[in-house]
Amino acid sequence: MTQTEQTAVNRARSQASDAMQKLREYESLADRKLSEYKALNTLEEQTGVKKTRTSAVCAVLFFLVFFDFGAQFIVNLVGFVYPAYRSLKALESPSIRDDEKWLTYWVVFGFANVIEYFRDTLTAIVPFYDLVKLSILLWLYLPFTNGADEVYKQAIQPAFQMLTTGRVKQSGNGPNVQSSKSATLQD
């Protein structure tokens, strides 16, 4: 390598090193600012993913969905990938509470997909439909919201009880599960 080439390589390495240092400074600043939000701190604790990276991914997803660059695919991917991963982890754990949580999510998710048959009508009525759907899906499964439990208890469970028994129970305690994973299946 010639002296000129070596100088150019060293300059490029120095510039890359400076850029990485600047990026780390920006990430540190962003981390301090994002630490003001309890939800992001909780999400970081529960997932082990830095809040700056989570926020960056969310910003990119928001941009893509907002400007309709593959919005329907991205929203469906977000509604499937993380819940599928957590469902598989739940199946491997001894706790039944996580099984119940993710089964409830999938029931609500399936119900929402049936409603989405009317997507063309919904997109005409609801501005930024994919952005709204993305927000709802996140609300359904994020650990600090557990929206799927609310939708199940307030809408799906009473409708199911009305269809199967002709009346609605007043308990509203959520799904009934047996006390251990090894309990026999009834259906």
Protein backbone atom coordinates (compact mmCIF):
# COMPACT_ATOMS: atom_id res chain seq x y z
CA MET A 1 0.00 0.00 0.00
CA THR A 2 1.35 3.40 -0.93
CA GLN A 3 1.84 6.21 1.55
CA THR A 4 -1.12 8.10 0.06
CA GLU A 5 -3.39 5.06 0.33
CA GLN A 6 -2.27 4.45 3.92
CA THR A 7 -3.00 8.09 4.80
CA ALA A 8 -6.47 7.81 3.24
CA VAL A 9 -7.20 4.59 5.17
CA ASN A 10 -6.04 6.17 8.44
CA ARG A 11 -8.16 9.27 7.79
CA ALA A 12 -11.22 7.10 7.06
CA ARG A 13 -10.65 5.09 10.26
CA SER A 14 -10.29 8.29 12.25
CA GLN A 15 -13.49 9.71 10.77
CA ALA A 16 -15.35 6.45 11.47
CA SER A 17 -14.06 6.45 15.05
CA ASP A 18 -15.14 10.08 15.50
CA ALA A 19 -18.57 9.29 14.06
CA MET A 20 -18.99 6.31 16.41
CA GLN A 21 -17.99 8.44 19.39
CA LYS A 22 -20.51 11.11 18.36
CA LEU A 23 -23.17 8.43 17.94
CA ARG A 24 -22.45 7.10 21.45
CA GLU A 25 -22.78 10.65 22.83
CA TYR A 26 -26.15 11.08 21.08
CA GLU A 27 -27.30 7.69 22.36
CA SER A 28 -26.29 8.65 25.91
CA LEU A 29 -28.16 11.95 25.64
CA ALA A 30 -31.23 10.20 24.21
CA ASP A 31 -31.07 7.59 26.99
CA ARG A 32 -31.10 10.35 29.64
CA LYS A 33 -34.06 12.08 27.97
CA LEU A 34 -36.00 8.84 27.45
CA SER A 35 -35.43 7.85 31.10
CA GLU A 36 -38.06 10.43 31.99
CA TYR A 37 -40.75 8.11 30.61
CA LYS A 38 -41.81 5.36 33.00
CA ALA A 39 -43.28 3.17 30.25
CA LEU A 40 -39.97 3.07 28.37
CA ASN A 41 -38.07 2.24 31.57
CA THR A 42 -40.51 -0.59 32.32
CA LEU A 43 -40.24 -1.89 28.76
CA GLU A 44 -36.44 -1.83 28.96
CA GLU A 45 -36.48 -3.74 32.26
CA GLN A 46 -38.90 -6.38 30.99
CA THR A 47 -37.35 -6.94 27.57
CA GLY A 48 -33.67 -6.21 28.23
CA VAL A 49 -33.53 -4.03 25.10
CA LYS A 50 -32.18 -0.48 25.49
CA LYS A 51 -34.92 2.14 25.38
CA THR A 52 -32.95 4.13 22.77
CA ARG A 53 -32.99 1.17 20.39
CA THR A 54 -36.64 0.42 21.07
CA SER A 55 -37.48 4.07 20.42
CA ALA A 56 -35.44 4.12 17.22
CA VAL A 57 -37.20 1.02 15.90
CA CYS A 58 -40.57 2.50 16.86
CA ALA A 59 -39.70 5.76 15.10
CA VAL A 60 -38.72 3.92 11.91
CA LEU A 61 -41.87 1.77 12.06
CA PHE A 62 -44.00 4.86 12.68
CA PHE A 63 -42.41 6.59 9.67
CA LEU A 64 -42.93 3.57 7.40
CA VAL A 65 -46.52 3.03 8.51
CA PHE A 66 -47.40 6.73 8.46
CA PHE A 67 -46.18 7.11 4.89
CA ASP A 68 -47.64 3.72 3.89
CA PHE A 69 -44.38 2.00 2.93
CA GLY A 70 -45.52 -1.59 3.42
CA ALA A 71 -47.77 -0.52 6.28
CA GLN A 72 -50.15 -3.49 6.23
CA PHE A 73 -47.25 -5.97 6.21
CA ILE A 74 -45.36 -4.14 8.98
CA VAL A 75 -48.42 -3.87 11.20
CA ASN A 76 -49.25 -7.55 10.79
CA LEU A 77 -45.61 -8.46 11.43
CA VAL A 78 -45.58 -6.41 14.65
CA GLY A 79 -48.84 -8.04 15.70
CA PHE A 80 -47.38 -11.51 15.11
CA VAL A 81 -43.60 -11.75 15.70
CA TYR A 82 -43.21 -10.66 19.34
CA PRO A 83 -46.45 -12.33 20.52
CA ALA A 84 -45.46 -15.56 18.75
CA TYR A 85 -42.02 -15.48 20.39
CA ARG A 86 -43.53 -14.82 23.84
CA SER A 87 -46.13 -17.55 23.28
CA LEU A 88 -43.43 -20.09 22.51
CA LYS A 89 -41.51 -19.00 25.62
CA ALA A 90 -44.73 -19.30 27.65
CA LEU A 91 -45.27 -22.86 26.46
CA GLU A 92 -41.80 -23.75 27.75
CA SER A 93 -42.29 -22.14 31.17
CA PRO A 94 -43.91 -23.88 34.15
CA SER A 95 -46.27 -20.95 34.83
CA ILE A 96 -49.81 -21.02 33.49
CA ARG A 97 -50.31 -17.28 33.86
CA ASP A 98 -48.16 -16.53 30.80
CA ASP A 99 -50.02 -19.22 28.82
CA GLU A 100 -53.30 -17.54 29.75
CA LYS A 101 -51.98 -14.09 28.80
CA TRP A 102 -50.84 -15.14 25.34
CA LEU A 103 -53.84 -17.35 24.62
CA THR A 104 -56.03 -14.36 25.47
CA TYR A 105 -53.96 -12.21 23.10
CA TRP A 106 -54.38 -14.71 20.26
CA VAL A 107 -58.15 -14.90 20.79
CA VAL A 108 -58.40 -11.10 20.61
CA PHE A 109 -55.97 -10.97 17.66
CA GLY A 110 -58.08 -13.55 15.79
CA PHE A 111 -61.26 -11.63 16.56
CA ALA A 112 -59.63 -8.44 15.24
CA ASN A 113 -58.58 -10.23 12.05
CA VAL A 114 -62.17 -11.34 11.47
CA ILE A 115 -63.29 -7.72 11.85
CA GLU A 116 -60.56 -6.69 9.42
CA TYR A 117 -62.44 -8.47 6.67
CA PHE A 118 -64.07 -5.04 6.35
CA ARG A 119 -60.66 -3.34 5.92
CA ASP A 120 -61.68 -1.30 2.88
CA THR A 121 -64.59 0.20 4.79
CA LEU A 122 -62.45 0.75 7.89
CA THR A 123 -59.68 2.53 5.96
CA ALA A 124 -62.28 4.85 4.44
CA ILE A 125 -63.74 5.68 7.86
CA VAL A 126 -60.63 5.67 10.10
CA PRO A 127 -57.86 8.08 9.08
CA PHE A 128 -54.38 6.52 9.31
CA TYR A 129 -55.98 3.10 9.84
CA ASP A 130 -52.67 1.19 9.87
CA LEU A 131 -51.20 3.55 12.45
CA VAL A 132 -54.29 3.12 14.64
CA LYS A 133 -54.11 -0.65 14.22
CA LEU A 134 -50.40 -0.66 15.12
CA SER A 135 -51.12 1.31 18.28
CA ILE A 136 -53.96 -1.02 19.24
CA LEU A 137 -51.84 -4.15 18.68
CA LEU A 138 -49.07 -2.75 20.85
CA TRP A 139 -51.62 -1.83 23.52
CA LEU A 140 -52.98 -5.37 23.39
CA TYR A 141 -49.70 -7.10 24.19
CA LEU A 142 -47.23 -4.76 25.84
CA PRO A 143 -46.49 -5.96 29.38
CA PHE A 144 -47.47 -2.73 31.08
CA THR A 145 -50.84 -2.40 29.32
CA ASN A 146 -52.25 -5.93 28.86
CA GLY A 147 -55.05 -4.56 26.71
CA ALA A 148 -55.95 -8.04 25.45
CA ASP A 149 -57.21 -8.95 28.93
CA GLU A 150 -59.45 -5.88 28.95
CA VAL A 151 -60.87 -6.55 25.49
CA TYR A 152 -61.47 -10.18 26.41
CA LYS A 153 -63.18 -9.38 29.72
CA GLN A 154 -65.25 -6.48 28.42
CA ALA A 155 -66.30 -7.73 24.97
CA ILE A 156 -65.37 -11.24 23.93
CA GLN A 157 -66.09 -13.15 27.14
CA PRO A 158 -69.61 -11.68 27.59
CA ALA A 159 -70.42 -12.27 23.91
CA PHE A 160 -69.14 -15.85 24.12
CA GLN A 161 -71.15 -16.50 27.29
CA MET A 162 -74.25 -15.04 25.70
CA LEU A 163 -73.82 -17.28 22.65
CA THR A 164 -73.12 -20.45 24.62
CA THR A 165 -75.38 -20.11 27.66
CA GLY A 166 -77.88 -17.43 26.73
CA ARG A 167 -76.80 -15.25 29.67
CA VAL A 168 -73.76 -13.34 30.85
CA LYS A 169 -71.97 -14.18 34.09
CA GLN A 170 -71.15 -11.20 36.26
CA SER A 171 -67.74 -12.47 37.50
CA GLY A 172 -65.57 -10.88 34.81
CA ASN A 173 -62.43 -12.50 36.24
CA GLY A 174 -61.03 -13.40 32.87
CA PRO A 175 -60.44 -16.82 31.40
CA ASN A 176 -60.86 -19.91 33.54
CA VAL A 177 -57.73 -22.05 33.64
CA GLN A 178 -56.84 -25.17 35.50
CA SER A 179 -54.31 -25.00 38.30
CA SER A 180 -51.35 -26.60 36.50
CA LYS A 181 -50.07 -27.17 33.01
CA SER A 182 -50.15 -30.89 33.52
CA ALA A 183 -53.92 -30.86 34.15
CA THR A 184 -55.88 -32.91 31.65
CA LEU A 185 -57.52 -31.21 28.75
CA GLN A 186 -61.28 -31.32 28.77
CA ASP A 187 -61.85 -30.71 25.06
